[in-house]
Amino acid sequence: MRILALFLTLTALALPASAQERPPSNCFALAQGTDAPRVIPASWGDEVQTDHVRIRYLGHASFAITSGGVMAVTDYTGWIGNPDVVPDVATMNNAHSTHWTANPDPRIPHLLPGWPDANGPAQYELDLGAMLVRNVTTDTRGPFGEGARADGNSIFVFEAGGLCIGHLGHLHQIPNDEQYAAIGRLDVVMVPVDGGYTLGIDDMAGIVKRLRASVVIPMHWFSGASLEVFKTRMEGEFDIVETGLAEMDFAPNELPGRPAILILDPTPIP
């Protein structure tokens, strides 16, 4: 026992301070309700408040998620707007060319492709202190339903500011029970609502209801026609909010008491 205790102590000392200090994930706990229906509008350049997360919709399926001085960009295509802004993390999915790039900015320290390589499926648990990034893989198909590829898409989960934030990527498959369990509880989820290239609107609506996130942010809606279909499908069970904003700040005690679909206006980083 003494040898085991010494080994565990040395192992803990070898971990980065951020990993030693990180509390157990609350993203696998049961969701706790709140009556506070407040979400804070934000302006790019303003400092993100402590214990808050800022989410900016850059366009298509790309978002900038910022908390504690760490920024992650989802479904990174090589362009986020301001070339002087370099994210700490960029995630990508390659089911379609508009969700990744073969020429990423070399200044990005952590690039996370969401598809398999020669070693097998993508598997990440990247702890940056203020943010932990992990993934759950799902299967993909070709653009016309052909050529199924195991683990071809990654649902990325960002744990930051006490929140669990999920980005479904280019989702082609309804998650199974094991995948739902691996995703865990989500407070905020970004959902593709094109209704064709990914899943149909009814299937996506079922996934949203199963995930039970407080905030749903639609993405991947092209001209907006499919967005209107999704909104109509969800109204009654969700508040539909046309924010007129590109970004908003979120905190655990400021999530809406009734589930809300927040429409953000796609705008690159100025």
Foldseek 3Di string as FASTA:
>chain_A
DVVVVVVVVVVLVPDPPLVNPDDPACLAPDDDFAAFAFWFADDPPDDFDALKWKWFFQAFQWIWIDHPRAIEIFLDLQDQDDPVDEHQEYEFAVLDNSRYYPDHDPVHNYYFYQQADPVGGGFAFDGPNQKTKTWFFQWDAHQVRHDIDGRRGIWMWICHSNFTEIERGQAADQDDPVRLSVSGAHQEYEFEQCQGSHHHLVSSVVSCVVNPHQEYEYHNNVPCPSVVVNCVVCPPQAAEAAPAARMIMDHPNNGHSGRYYYYHDNHGRD
